[in-house]
């Protein structure tokens, strides 16, 4: 399908092959060779026989330096990505991953503050000085229930751990390394060409529960940033346009049956050592949490219109500790997402009412804890066009023979006929800004301006910001068949199917940073737009302040899934089942 490109003014469908006309691609290794990966992008704009414009700009010396650095350090970036992938640490427990980033960034000349915002696995790495101040971030939290090896068949990543131990899904391992490549490439250009400015690179733990960014924002860490370029892996290559991501809130309700002696006992007796604990009819905190779960399931359908793209999900973090005494404590955490803050307030009040009713029915005391609250995303057209221009300059990832054979092996092992090209067209071509917007709005009613949830939106209210999404390898659909989850997880850890995305995304970010450092007028235009959309900039009439109070402690003390050490050694918090 060909579409109208609003920036180039031509009808075309850009694929990565358009950028490789006449270039050779190395296919023997896990990653692309430096000479071929994006070589055609350095030429001036050309029009192929198909009428497709490629090489949309001449690469400046500063941008070429950034690209060269990334190509020269492909192996280091690949090895670091696999290291984070193997750690597979869940939200707010990413101790090894954060330490690895801190050590690497210090070795690259960054000043690093650890434990930012009161979060042990968060950090802020700073390079340079003065204006402009440009920001990005790494995420590195894994997802429980994703224990899959980087092989083309179903196999646990670590058989010493429980089958439902964590693994990287999106993957955040490559998310962080792509952004890392971008800032290190830009740093190389700053050093060689004397570009003035400051790079701030944040370590953002716990994205899957949207924790670190709202706390960083509330505590002032994003103040003074001039622009942010943010990244996330995707199944397509696009830059977010008008429809931004929505809001995510998370609250925890703890039920405590801390006065069971006040409940009725046999023969009218009020407790006492002669009455066994299991005779006492106190409902207990376990009843409370199950009632909260069930009541919310039954009644949530009436909160909002189903067409708005909102959700509520839950996690029972404490479910009773004994079968020989009344359960004295339980806890349930609710995550809810919607396109407006008004809808979030309504959902929050709905959950509060349910919790109060359940506590009264079970004789429990209920306390509420705010885990996190994010705003919705704020669009900036100037920044989107800047990054999309550099995305077209670099082009999408190229997946070579090794990657394609890995995809075909997955298909064979699933009993499918292997395809000549096992990957989707969408993961190998670029979307126009309009096509990306159409994808984001698919199935949304007209009044919905935001969709889904992601805590990167916090950056968008402190400076002009943009989110780049580059495609990882995605298996081509087979008729009448749905790929199992392990197939997608396996490809996140296989270098040949993830490294090309890191290179393409990293180069796009690096060249975009260099352009902002080199052309002050771009930032002026981005800030004029930001001020207009916020009704006067930071503190303006339409500006939304952080939703968390600055003195709120992050929820690092809550019962989140994690690895533990016992006499049995290190294991997932669910013990590894004994083999028969």
Protein backbone atom coordinates (compact mmCIF):
# COMPACT_ATOMS: atom_id res chain seq x y z
CA UNK A 1 0.00 0.00 0.00
CA UNK A 2 1.32 3.43 -0.93
CA UNK A 3 0.40 6.47 1.10
CA UNK A 4 0.86 10.21 1.04
CA UNK A 5 3.86 11.41 3.02
CA UNK A 6 3.07 14.85 4.44
CA UNK A 7 6.74 15.82 4.73
CA UNK A 8 8.07 14.58 1.39
CA UNK A 9 4.98 15.29 -0.67
CA UNK A 10 5.25 11.99 -2.56
CA UNK A 11 3.23 8.79 -2.71
CA UNK A 12 5.30 5.90 -1.52
CA UNK A 13 5.72 2.93 0.80
CA UNK A 14 9.14 3.06 2.42
CA UNK A 15 10.79 -0.22 3.30
CA UNK A 16 14.24 -0.75 4.72
CA UNK A 17 15.33 -2.22 1.37
CA UNK A 18 14.82 1.20 -0.20
CA UNK A 19 17.70 2.41 1.94
CA UNK A 20 19.92 -0.48 0.94
CA UNK A 21 19.88 -0.12 -2.84
CA UNK A 22 23.29 -1.34 -3.94
CA UNK A 23 24.46 -2.06 -0.39
CA UNK A 24 25.55 -5.45 0.85
CA UNK A 25 24.24 -6.83 4.12
CA UNK A 26 26.31 -9.05 6.35
CA UNK A 27 24.22 -12.07 7.29
CA UNK A 28 26.68 -14.37 8.99
CA UNK A 29 26.66 -12.68 12.41
CA UNK A 30 23.98 -11.78 14.85
CA UNK A 31 24.17 -8.09 13.90
CA UNK A 32 24.44 -6.10 10.69
CA UNK A 33 27.82 -5.00 9.41
CA UNK A 34 28.67 -1.33 9.86
CA UNK A 35 29.15 -0.77 6.14
CA UNK A 36 25.72 -2.03 5.19
CA UNK A 37 23.41 -1.40 8.12
CA UNK A 38 22.44 2.11 7.15
CA UNK A 39 24.99 3.05 4.54
CA UNK A 40 22.55 4.28 1.93
CA UNK A 41 21.20 6.88 4.33
CA UNK A 42 24.40 8.91 4.00
CA UNK A 43 23.68 9.70 0.36
CA UNK A 44 21.62 12.63 -0.85
CA UNK A 45 17.96 12.10 -1.63
CA UNK A 46 17.32 9.79 -4.56
CA UNK A 47 14.25 8.46 -6.35
CA UNK A 48 14.27 4.79 -7.26
CA UNK A 49 12.72 3.25 -10.37
CA UNK A 50 9.57 2.68 -8.32
CA UNK A 51 9.28 6.40 -7.65
CA UNK A 52 10.19 5.98 -3.99
CA UNK A 53 12.29 8.69 -2.39
CA UNK A 54 15.08 7.43 -0.17
CA UNK A 55 18.01 9.00 1.65
CA UNK A 56 15.76 11.93 2.51
CA UNK A 57 18.59 14.20 3.61
CA UNK A 58 22.36 14.57 3.50
CA UNK A 59 23.86 13.38 6.76
CA UNK A 60 25.90 16.04 8.51
CA UNK A 61 29.34 15.31 9.88
CA UNK A 62 27.96 15.51 13.40
CA UNK A 63 25.24 12.96 12.67
CA UNK A 64 27.69 10.69 10.89
CA UNK A 65 29.93 10.71 13.95
CA UNK A 66 27.00 9.56 16.11
CA UNK A 67 26.11 6.81 13.61
CA UNK A 68 29.74 5.69 13.36
CA UNK A 69 30.03 5.40 17.13
CA UNK A 70 26.99 3.13 17.31
CA UNK A 71 28.25 0.96 14.45
CA UNK A 72 31.73 0.74 15.99
CA UNK A 73 30.19 -0.39 19.29
CA UNK A 74 27.63 -2.89 17.99
CA UNK A 75 29.12 -5.80 19.90
CA UNK A 76 29.30 -3.92 23.18
CA UNK A 77 25.66 -2.86 22.84
CA UNK A 78 24.57 -6.37 21.89
CA UNK A 79 26.43 -7.96 24.79
CA UNK A 80 25.02 -5.42 27.24
CA UNK A 81 21.49 -6.03 26.00
CA UNK A 82 21.85 -9.78 26.46
CA UNK A 83 23.23 -9.19 29.95
CA UNK A 84 20.15 -7.20 31.00
CA UNK A 85 17.91 -9.76 29.27
CA UNK A 86 19.47 -12.58 31.31
CA UNK A 87 19.08 -10.71 34.60
CA UNK A 88 15.29 -10.55 33.98
CA UNK A 89 14.59 -8.63 37.18
CA UNK A 90 11.02 -7.55 37.96
CA UNK A 91 9.69 -4.10 38.85
CA UNK A 92 11.51 -2.20 41.63
CA UNK A 93 13.82 -5.17 42.16
CA UNK A 94 16.21 -4.55 39.24
CA UNK A 95 19.35 -4.46 41.39
CA UNK A 96 21.82 -6.09 38.98
CA UNK A 97 20.44 -4.29 35.95
CA UNK A 98 20.64 -0.84 37.52
CA UNK A 99 24.16 -1.53 38.78
CA UNK A 100 25.25 -2.58 35.29
CA UNK A 101 23.93 0.67 33.78
CA UNK A 102 25.58 2.79 36.44
CA UNK A 103 28.96 1.14 35.92
CA UNK A 104 28.78 1.42 32.13
CA UNK A 105 27.68 5.07 32.14
CA UNK A 106 30.43 6.05 34.57
CA UNK A 107 32.95 4.33 32.32
CA UNK A 108 31.62 6.50 29.47
CA UNK A 109 32.23 9.73 31.37
CA UNK A 110 28.79 10.37 32.86
CA UNK A 111 28.24 11.65 36.38
CA UNK A 112 25.73 9.27 37.95
CA UNK A 113 23.42 9.85 40.92
CA UNK A 114 22.10 6.56 42.27
CA UNK A 115 18.87 5.92 44.11
CA UNK A 116 17.06 8.95 42.70
CA UNK A 117 13.61 9.75 44.05
CA UNK A 118 14.08 7.31 46.92
CA UNK A 119 14.17 4.31 44.57
CA UNK A 120 17.26 2.09 44.99
CA UNK A 121 17.19 0.91 41.35
CA UNK A 122 16.71 4.37 39.81
CA UNK A 123 19.51 6.68 38.66
CA UNK A 124 20.30 9.89 36.79
CA UNK A 125 23.36 10.01 34.52
CA UNK A 126 24.48 13.44 33.31
CA UNK A 127 26.98 14.44 30.63
CA UNK A 128 28.08 17.87 29.43
CA UNK A 129 26.93 21.24 30.69
CA UNK A 130 24.75 24.21 29.86
CA UNK A 131 21.84 24.49 27.47
CA UNK A 132 20.09 22.76 25.86
CA UNK A 133 19.29 20.01 28.35
CA UNK A 134 18.14 16.90 26.48
CA UNK A 135 16.69 13.84 28.20
CA UNK A 136 15.90 10.20 27.66
CA UNK A 137 15.63 7.07 29.80
CA UNK A 138 16.27 3.36 30.12
CA UNK A 139 13.78 0.86 31.46
CA UNK A 140 14.92 -2.61 32.53
CA UNK A 141 12.14 -4.36 34.46
CA UNK A 142 11.02 -7.84 33.40
CA UNK A 143 7.59 -9.47 33.63
CA UNK A 144 6.71 -12.47 35.86
CA UNK A 145 5.49 -15.53 33.99
CA UNK A 146 7.86 -15.04 31.04
CA UNK A 147 10.59 -17.61 31.70
CA UNK A 148 11.54 -18.53 28.11
CA UNK A 149 14.98 -19.21 26.63
CA UNK A 150 16.23 -17.56 23.44
CA UNK A 151 15.75 -20.72 21.39
CA UNK A 152 13.25 -21.55 18.61
CA UNK A 153 11.24 -23.95 20.77
CA UNK A 154 9.58 -23.86 24.17
CA UNK A 155 12.23 -24.05 26.89
CA UNK A 156 12.75 -22.32 30.22
CA UNK A 157 15.35 -19.57 30.30
CA UNK A 158 16.56 -20.86 33.65
CA UNK A 159 15.38 -24.33 34.71
CA UNK A 160 16.58 -23.72 38.27
CA UNK A 161 13.74 -21.22 38.65
CA UNK A 162 9.99 -21.67 38.78
CA UNK A 163 8.40 -21.97 35.30
CA UNK A 164 6.60 -18.67 35.95
CA UNK A 165 9.71 -16.69 36.80
CA UNK A 166 10.24 -13.40 34.93
CA UNK A 167 11.53 -12.63 31.48
CA UNK A 168 11.59 -9.66 29.14
CA UNK A 169 8.52 -9.24 26.96
CA UNK A 170 8.44 -5.87 25.14
CA UNK A 171 11.45 -6.20 25.71
CA UNK A 172 12.57 -3.56 28.20
CA UNK A 173 16.07 -4.99 27.99
CA UNK A 174 16.33 -3.71 24.41
CA UNK A 175 14.31 -0.57 25.17
CA UNK A 176 16.98 0.63 27.55
CA UNK A 177 19.91 -0.33 25.34
CA UNK A 178 18.38 1.40 22.30
CA UNK A 179 18.09 4.65 24.25
CA UNK A 180 21.57 4.06 25.65
CA UNK A 181 22.93 3.77 22.10
CA UNK A 182 21.18 7.02 21.23
CA UNK A 183 22.66 9.07 24.06
CA UNK A 184 26.15 7.58 23.72
CA UNK A 185 26.13 8.24 19.97
CA UNK A 186 25.09 11.83 20.61
CA UNK A 187 27.79 12.16 23.27
CA UNK A 188 30.42 11.07 20.73
CA UNK A 189 29.26 13.82 18.36
CA UNK A 190 29.35 16.38 21.18
CA UNK A 191 32.92 15.45 22.01
CA UNK A 192 34.25 15.45 18.47
CA UNK A 193 32.46 18.53 17.17
CA UNK A 194 32.29 20.69 20.29
CA UNK A 195 28.50 20.66 20.54
CA UNK A 196 27.38 22.39 23.73
CA UNK A 197 24.61 21.06 25.88
CA UNK A 198 23.68 18.55 28.56
CA UNK A 199 22.39 15.01 28.26
CA UNK A 200 20.35 13.59 31.13
CA UNK A 201 19.79 9.85 30.98
CA UNK A 202 17.45 8.45 33.60
CA UNK A 203 17.24 4.92 34.89
CA UNK A 204 13.50 4.31 35.28
CA UNK A 205 12.62 1.14 37.23
CA UNK A 206 9.19 -0.40 37.63
CA UNK A 207 7.63 0.73 34.34
CA UNK A 208 5.25 -2.23 34.33
CA UNK A 209 3.62 -0.68 37.39
CA UNK A 210 4.31 2.90 36.18
CA UNK A 211 6.15 3.93 39.32
CA UNK A 212 9.44 5.73 38.79
CA UNK A 213 8.51 8.52 36.37
CA UNK A 214 5.59 9.97 38.40
CA UNK A 215 7.87 10.05 41.47
CA UNK A 216 10.76 11.60 39.55
CA UNK A 217 8.38 14.21 38.14
CA UNK A 218 6.84 15.02 41.52
CA UNK A 219 10.25 15.40 43.16
CA UNK A 220 11.51 17.85 40.52
CA UNK A 221 13.92 15.68 38.55
CA UNK A 222 12.46 16.73 35.19
CA UNK A 223 12.58 20.46 35.94
CA UNK A 224 14.86 22.37 33.57
CA UNK A 225 14.78 19.81 30.74
CA UNK A 226 14.53 21.45 27.30
CA UNK A 227 13.43 18.43 25.25
CA UNK A 228 12.96 14.66 25.65
CA UNK A 229 13.23 11.88 23.09
CA UNK A 230 11.70 8.65 24.38
CA UNK A 231 11.69 5.13 22.97
CA UNK A 232 9.75 1.88 23.08
CA UNK A 233 9.97 -1.35 21.02
CA UNK A 234 6.93 -2.04 18.90
CA UNK A 235 5.68 -4.23 16.05
CA UNK A 236 5.89 -1.25 13.66
CA UNK A 237 8.21 1.66 12.93
CA UNK A 238 6.50 4.94 13.75
CA UNK A 239 6.56 8.17 15.74
CA UNK A 240 3.56 8.91 17.94
CA UNK A 241 1.40 11.69 16.57
CA UNK A 242 -1.70 13.33 18.03
CA UNK A 243 -3.19 10.39 19.94
CA UNK A 244 -0.91 9.92 22.93
CA UNK A 245 -0.91 7.32 25.69
CA UNK A 246 -3.43 7.53 28.51
CA UNK A 247 -3.31 7.54 32.30
CA UNK A 248 -2.37 4.74 34.73
CA UNK A 249 -3.21 4.77 38.43
CA UNK A 250 -2.44 2.08 40.99
CA UNK A 251 -3.87 1.84 44.52
CA UNK A 252 -3.51 -0.85 47.18
CA UNK A 253 -6.15 -1.78 49.76
CA UNK A 254 -5.02 -3.61 52.90
CA UNK A 255 -7.59 -5.39 55.05
CA UNK A 256 -6.70 -6.23 58.65
CA UNK A 257 -8.79 -8.34 61.02
CA UNK A 258 -6.82 -7.11 63.99
CA UNK A 259 -9.55 -7.59 66.65
CA UNK A 260 -10.92 -11.12 66.07
CA UNK A 261 -11.67 -11.52 69.78
CA UNK A 262 -14.67 -9.21 69.41
CA UNK A 263 -16.51 -11.70 67.22
CA UNK A 264 -19.07 -14.17 68.64
CA UNK A 265 -17.70 -17.38 70.21
CA UNK A 266 -19.43 -20.72 71.18
CA UNK A 267 -21.63 -20.77 74.29
CA UNK A 268 -21.59 -17.03 74.45
CA UNK A 269 -17.97 -17.00 75.54
CA UNK A 270 -15.77 -14.16 74.37
CA UNK A 271 -12.58 -15.82 73.29
CA UNK A 272 -10.33 -17.33 75.91
CA UNK A 273 -7.66 -20.02 75.74
CA UNK A 274 -10.22 -22.83 76.01
CA UNK A 275 -11.80 -21.90 72.66
CA UNK A 276 -9.77 -23.12 69.70
CA UNK A 277 -8.96 -20.40 67.18
CA UNK A 278 -10.69 -22.25 64.34
CA UNK A 279 -14.01 -22.14 66.25
CA UNK A 280 -14.05 -18.39 66.23
CA UNK A 281 -16.25 -17.28 63.34
CA UNK A 282 -14.39 -14.10 62.46
CA UNK A 283 -14.57 -13.86 58.64
CA UNK A 284 -10.95 -12.72 58.48
CA UNK A 285 -8.98 -10.68 56.02
CA UNK A 286 -8.93 -13.44 53.41
CA UNK A 287 -12.71 -13.22 53.12
CA UNK A 288 -12.34 -9.46 52.75
CA UNK A 289 -9.91 -9.62 49.84
CA UNK A 290 -11.93 -12.27 48.01
CA UNK A 291 -15.10 -10.24 48.48
CA UNK A 292 -13.31 -7.13 47.18
CA UNK A 293 -12.13 -9.05 44.15
CA UNK A 294 -15.59 -10.48 43.40
CA UNK A 295 -17.56 -7.30 44.08
CA UNK A 296 -15.33 -5.28 41.77
CA UNK A 297 -15.56 -7.91 39.03
CA UNK A 298 -19.37 -7.84 39.20
CA UNK A 299 -19.83 -4.08 39.32
CA UNK A 300 -17.03 -2.60 37.20
CA UNK A 301 -19.04 -2.91 33.97
CA UNK A 302 -21.16 0.04 35.08
CA UNK A 303 -18.32 2.53 35.65
CA UNK A 304 -17.60 3.74 32.11
CA UNK A 305 -18.64 3.13 28.49
CA UNK A 306 -16.95 -0.01 27.19
CA UNK A 307 -15.81 1.80 24.02
CA UNK A 308 -13.40 4.10 25.83
CA UNK A 309 -10.51 1.67 26.05
CA UNK A 310 -10.31 1.62 29.88
CA UNK A 311 -9.29 -1.36 32.01
CA UNK A 312 -9.00 -2.50 35.63
CA UNK A 313 -6.64 -5.30 36.62
CA UNK A 314 -5.67 -6.60 40.03
CA UNK A 315 -2.93 -8.35 41.97
CA UNK A 316 -3.51 -10.06 45.32
CA UNK A 317 -0.20 -9.44 47.05
CA UNK A 318 -1.14 -10.82 50.48
CA UNK A 319 -3.70 -13.61 50.73
CA UNK A 320 -3.56 -14.91 54.30
CA UNK A 321 -0.65 -16.69 55.94
CA UNK A 322 -2.09 -19.64 57.86
CA UNK A 323 -4.86 -22.23 57.85
CA UNK A 324 -4.83 -22.59 61.66
CA UNK A 325 -5.79 -19.04 62.61
CA UNK A 326 -8.09 -16.36 61.25
CA UNK A 327 -6.29 -14.60 58.39
CA UNK A 328 -5.34 -11.28 59.93
CA UNK A 329 -4.09 -9.43 56.86
CA UNK A 330 -4.70 -9.36 53.12
CA UNK A 331 -3.91 -6.92 50.37
CA UNK A 332 -5.11 -6.32 46.82
CA UNK A 333 -3.62 -3.85 44.37
CA UNK A 334 -5.65 -2.37 41.52
CA UNK A 335 -4.19 -0.90 38.33
CA UNK A 336 -6.60 1.10 36.21
CA UNK A 337 -6.12 2.85 32.91
CA UNK A 338 -8.29 5.30 30.98
CA UNK A 339 -8.02 8.15 28.47
CA UNK A 340 -8.95 10.98 30.87
CA UNK A 341 -8.14 11.98 34.43
CA UNK A 342 -11.86 12.46 35.12
CA UNK A 343 -12.45 8.78 34.34
CA UNK A 344 -9.56 7.85 36.62
CA UNK A 345 -11.09 9.80 39.50
CA UNK A 346 -14.41 8.02 38.98
CA UNK A 347 -12.76 4.60 38.98
CA UNK A 348 -10.78 5.46 42.10
CA UNK A 349 -13.91 6.49 43.99
CA UNK A 350 -15.67 3.30 42.83
CA UNK A 351 -12.87 1.17 44.31
CA UNK A 352 -12.90 3.14 47.55
CA UNK A 353 -16.61 2.55 48.02
CA UNK A 354 -16.21 -1.18 47.42
CA UNK A 355 -13.34 -1.41 49.91
CA UNK A 356 -15.33 0.41 52.59
CA UNK A 357 -18.34 -1.87 52.11
CA UNK A 358 -16.21 -5.01 52.25
CA UNK A 359 -14.44 -3.88 55.41
CA UNK A 360 -17.75 -3.28 57.17
CA UNK A 361 -19.11 -6.66 56.11
CA UNK A 362 -16.07 -8.61 57.34
CA UNK A 363 -15.19 -6.71 60.49
CA UNK A 364 -11.87 -5.58 59.04
CA UNK A 365 -10.03 -2.30 59.07
CA UNK A 366 -9.11 -1.10 55.57
CA UNK A 367 -6.30 1.25 54.64
CA UNK A 368 -5.53 2.63 51.20
CA UNK A 369 -2.13 3.37 49.71
CA UNK A 370 -1.53 5.34 46.54
CA UNK A 371 1.07 3.39 44.57
CA UNK A 372 1.28 5.68 41.55
CA UNK A 373 -0.63 8.13 39.33
CA UNK A 374 0.32 9.25 35.84
CA UNK A 375 -1.06 12.01 33.69
CA UNK A 376 -2.03 11.56 30.01
CA UNK A 377 0.38 12.31 27.17
CA UNK A 378 0.89 15.76 25.63
CA UNK A 379 1.56 15.96 21.88
CA UNK A 380 4.29 18.08 20.28
CA UNK A 381 4.18 18.22 16.48
CA UNK A 382 7.58 19.90 16.11
CA UNK A 383 9.34 17.13 18.00
CA UNK A 384 7.40 14.41 16.18
CA UNK A 385 8.36 15.75 12.77
CA UNK A 386 12.01 16.10 13.85
CA UNK A 387 12.31 12.48 14.97
CA UNK A 388 10.30 11.13 12.04
CA UNK A 389 12.66 12.97 9.68
CA UNK A 390 15.59 11.15 11.26
CA UNK A 391 13.71 7.83 11.30
CA UNK A 392 13.36 8.16 7.51
CA UNK A 393 17.01 9.12 7.28
CA UNK A 394 18.10 5.95 9.09
CA UNK A 395 15.36 3.57 7.99
CA UNK A 396 13.90 0.50 9.67
CA UNK A 397 15.85 -2.48 10.95
CA UNK A 398 17.08 -5.10 8.50
CA UNK A 399 16.66 -8.72 9.52
CA UNK A 400 19.24 -10.91 7.80
CA UNK A 401 19.40 -14.59 6.97
CA UNK A 402 20.25 -15.67 10.52
CA UNK A 403 17.19 -13.91 11.91
CA UNK A 404 14.93 -15.29 9.18
CA UNK A 405 16.17 -18.81 9.76
CA UNK A 406 15.45 -18.42 13.47
CA UNK A 407 11.89 -17.39 12.60
CA UNK A 408 11.52 -20.32 10.22
CA UNK A 409 12.77 -22.73 12.91
CA UNK A 410 10.03 -21.50 15.23
CA UNK A 411 7.48 -22.15 12.49
CA UNK A 412 8.84 -25.65 11.80
CA UNK A 413 8.79 -26.52 15.51
CA UNK A 414 5.14 -25.45 15.67
CA UNK A 415 4.24 -27.72 12.77
CA UNK A 416 3.87 -24.88 10.28
CA UNK A 417 5.24 -24.66 6.77
CA UNK A 418 8.26 -22.32 7.11
CA UNK A 419 7.87 -19.09 5.15
CA UNK A 420 10.48 -17.55 2.86
CA UNK A 421 10.10 -14.34 4.83
CA UNK A 422 8.80 -15.29 8.30
CA UNK A 423 8.48 -11.66 9.44
CA UNK A 424 5.66 -9.20 8.86
CA UNK A 425 5.91 -6.43 6.30
CA UNK A 426 5.05 -3.86 8.97
CA UNK A 427 8.14 -4.62 11.04
CA UNK A 428 10.33 -4.03 7.97
CA UNK A 429 8.97 -0.74 6.66
CA UNK A 430 8.31 2.76 7.94
CA UNK A 431 4.93 4.21 8.76
CA UNK A 432 4.14 7.80 7.88
CA UNK A 433 3.02 10.00 10.73
CA UNK A 434 -0.55 9.66 9.46
CA UNK A 435 -0.37 5.88 9.23
CA UNK A 436 0.94 5.67 12.78
CA UNK A 437 -1.90 7.89 13.96
CA UNK A 438 -4.46 5.77 12.12
CA UNK A 439 -3.08 2.66 13.85
CA UNK A 440 -3.25 4.32 17.27
CA UNK A 441 -6.87 5.40 16.74
CA UNK A 442 -8.12 2.14 15.32
CA UNK A 443 -11.39 1.17 17.07
CA UNK A 444 -11.39 4.33 19.22
CA UNK A 445 -14.45 6.60 19.33
CA UNK A 446 -13.91 10.16 18.16
CA UNK A 447 -14.02 11.73 21.62
CA UNK A 448 -11.12 9.63 22.95
CA UNK A 449 -7.86 11.61 22.72
CA UNK A 450 -5.58 9.19 24.61
CA UNK A 451 -5.28 5.43 24.63
CA UNK A 452 -3.71 2.71 26.80
CA UNK A 453 -1.18 3.73 29.44
CA UNK A 454 2.53 4.27 29.87
CA UNK A 455 4.37 6.40 32.39
CA UNK A 456 6.60 8.05 29.78
CA UNK A 457 3.77 10.60 29.53
CA UNK A 458 5.21 12.27 32.63
CA UNK A 459 8.07 13.68 30.54
CA UNK A 460 5.67 15.33 28.10
CA UNK A 461 4.42 17.88 30.67
CA UNK A 462 7.89 19.20 31.54
CA UNK A 463 9.36 19.84 28.09
CA UNK A 464 8.58 19.24 24.41
CA UNK A 465 8.74 15.46 24.05
CA UNK A 466 8.25 12.71 21.49
CA UNK A 467 8.06 8.93 21.52
CA UNK A 468 9.80 6.87 18.86
CA UNK A 469 8.68 3.28 18.33
CA UNK A 470 10.93 0.95 16.32
CA UNK A 471 9.99 -2.56 15.30
CA UNK A 472 11.46 -5.75 16.65
CA UNK A 473 11.11 -8.87 14.51
CA UNK A 474 7.48 -10.04 14.41
CA UNK A 475 6.39 -13.42 13.02
CA UNK A 476 4.15 -13.31 9.96
CA UNK A 477 0.65 -14.66 10.71
CA UNK A 478 -0.24 -18.14 9.53
CA UNK A 479 -3.82 -18.69 8.43
CA UNK A 480 -5.97 -20.17 11.18
CA UNK A 481 -3.09 -20.26 13.66
CA UNK A 482 -2.08 -18.14 16.64
CA UNK A 483 1.55 -18.21 17.75
CA UNK A 484 2.11 -19.18 21.38
CA UNK A 485 3.56 -16.56 23.70
CA UNK A 486 6.91 -18.31 24.04
CA UNK A 487 7.68 -17.68 20.35
CA UNK A 488 7.57 -13.92 20.85
CA UNK A 489 9.56 -14.12 24.08
CA UNK A 490 12.27 -16.23 22.44
CA UNK A 491 12.92 -13.59 19.79
CA UNK A 492 13.48 -10.87 22.40
CA UNK A 493 16.66 -12.63 23.54
CA UNK A 494 18.02 -13.80 20.18
CA UNK A 495 20.58 -11.23 18.96
CA UNK A 496 19.74 -11.62 15.27
CA UNK A 497 16.07 -10.76 15.87
CA UNK A 498 16.52 -7.89 18.36
CA UNK A 499 19.87 -6.21 17.69
CA UNK A 500 18.84 -4.67 14.33
CA UNK A 501 16.07 -2.78 16.15
CA UNK A 502 18.56 -1.51 18.72
CA UNK A 503 20.80 -0.19 15.94
CA UNK A 504 18.04 1.47 13.93
CA UNK A 505 16.34 2.98 16.97
CA UNK A 506 19.60 4.08 18.55
CA UNK A 507 20.78 5.83 15.38
CA UNK A 508 17.44 7.57 14.98
CA UNK A 509 17.61 8.87 18.55
CA UNK A 510 21.27 9.89 18.25
CA UNK A 511 20.78 11.85 15.02
CA UNK A 512 17.69 13.53 16.49
CA UNK A 513 19.65 14.59 19.58
CA UNK A 514 22.45 15.91 17.37
CA UNK A 515 19.97 17.93 15.32
CA UNK A 516 18.58 19.54 18.48
CA UNK A 517 22.10 20.34 19.68
CA UNK A 518 23.08 21.79 16.31
CA UNK A 519 19.99 23.84 15.44
CA UNK A 520 18.65 26.02 18.31
CA UNK A 521 15.72 27.17 16.18
CA UNK A 522 14.14 23.73 16.41
CA UNK A 523 13.85 23.97 20.17
CA UNK A 524 12.44 27.48 19.92
CA UNK A 525 9.63 26.21 17.70
CA UNK A 526 9.01 23.18 19.94
CA UNK A 527 8.72 25.39 23.01
CA UNK A 528 6.37 27.83 21.28
CA UNK A 529 4.10 24.87 20.58
CA UNK A 530 4.51 23.52 24.13
CA UNK A 531 3.58 26.90 25.61
CA UNK A 532 0.53 27.12 23.38
CA UNK A 533 -0.72 23.63 24.29
CA UNK A 534 -0.20 24.20 28.03
CA UNK A 535 -1.71 27.69 28.11
CA UNK A 536 1.57 29.39 28.94
CA UNK A 537 4.11 26.66 29.60
CA UNK A 538 4.96 25.17 33.00
CA UNK A 539 2.25 26.33 35.38
CA UNK A 540 0.06 27.56 32.53
CA UNK A 541 -3.73 27.49 32.41
CA UNK A 542 -3.83 24.12 30.64
CA UNK A 543 -0.71 22.62 32.20
CA UNK A 544 -1.21 19.56 34.41
CA UNK A 545 1.06 19.33 37.45
CA UNK A 546 2.39 16.00 38.76
CA UNK A 547 -0.41 14.06 40.45
CA UNK A 548 1.70 12.75 43.35
CA UNK A 549 2.75 14.93 46.29
CA UNK A 550 6.52 15.57 46.31
CA UNK A 551 6.96 14.07 49.78
CA UNK A 552 5.26 10.73 48.95
CA UNK A 553 7.56 7.76 49.43
CA UNK A 554 7.79 5.34 46.49
CA UNK A 555 6.31 1.88 47.12
CA UNK A 556 9.59 0.01 47.35
CA UNK A 557 8.51 -1.60 50.65
CA UNK A 558 5.47 -3.32 49.19
CA UNK A 559 5.33 -7.05 48.47
CA UNK A 560 6.39 -7.11 44.83
CA UNK A 561 7.54 -10.33 43.11
CA UNK A 562 11.30 -10.82 43.43
CA UNK A 563 14.20 -13.24 43.54
CA UNK A 564 15.15 -14.43 47.03
CA UNK A 565 18.05 -16.25 48.65
CA UNK A 566 17.40 -19.15 51.02
CA UNK A 567 19.28 -22.22 52.21
CA UNK A 568 18.27 -23.69 48.85
CA UNK A 569 20.15 -20.91 47.05
CA UNK A 570 18.78 -18.11 44.86
CA UNK A 571 15.32 -18.75 43.47
CA UNK A 572 12.13 -17.03 42.38
CA UNK A 573 9.80 -16.10 45.25
CA UNK A 574 7.64 -19.07 44.21
CA UNK A 575 9.86 -22.07 45.03
CA UNK A 576 10.96 -24.23 42.13
CA UNK A 577 8.75 -27.33 41.99
CA UNK A 578 10.42 -30.65 42.66
CA UNK A 579 10.94 -32.73 39.55
CA UNK A 580 9.17 -36.09 39.50
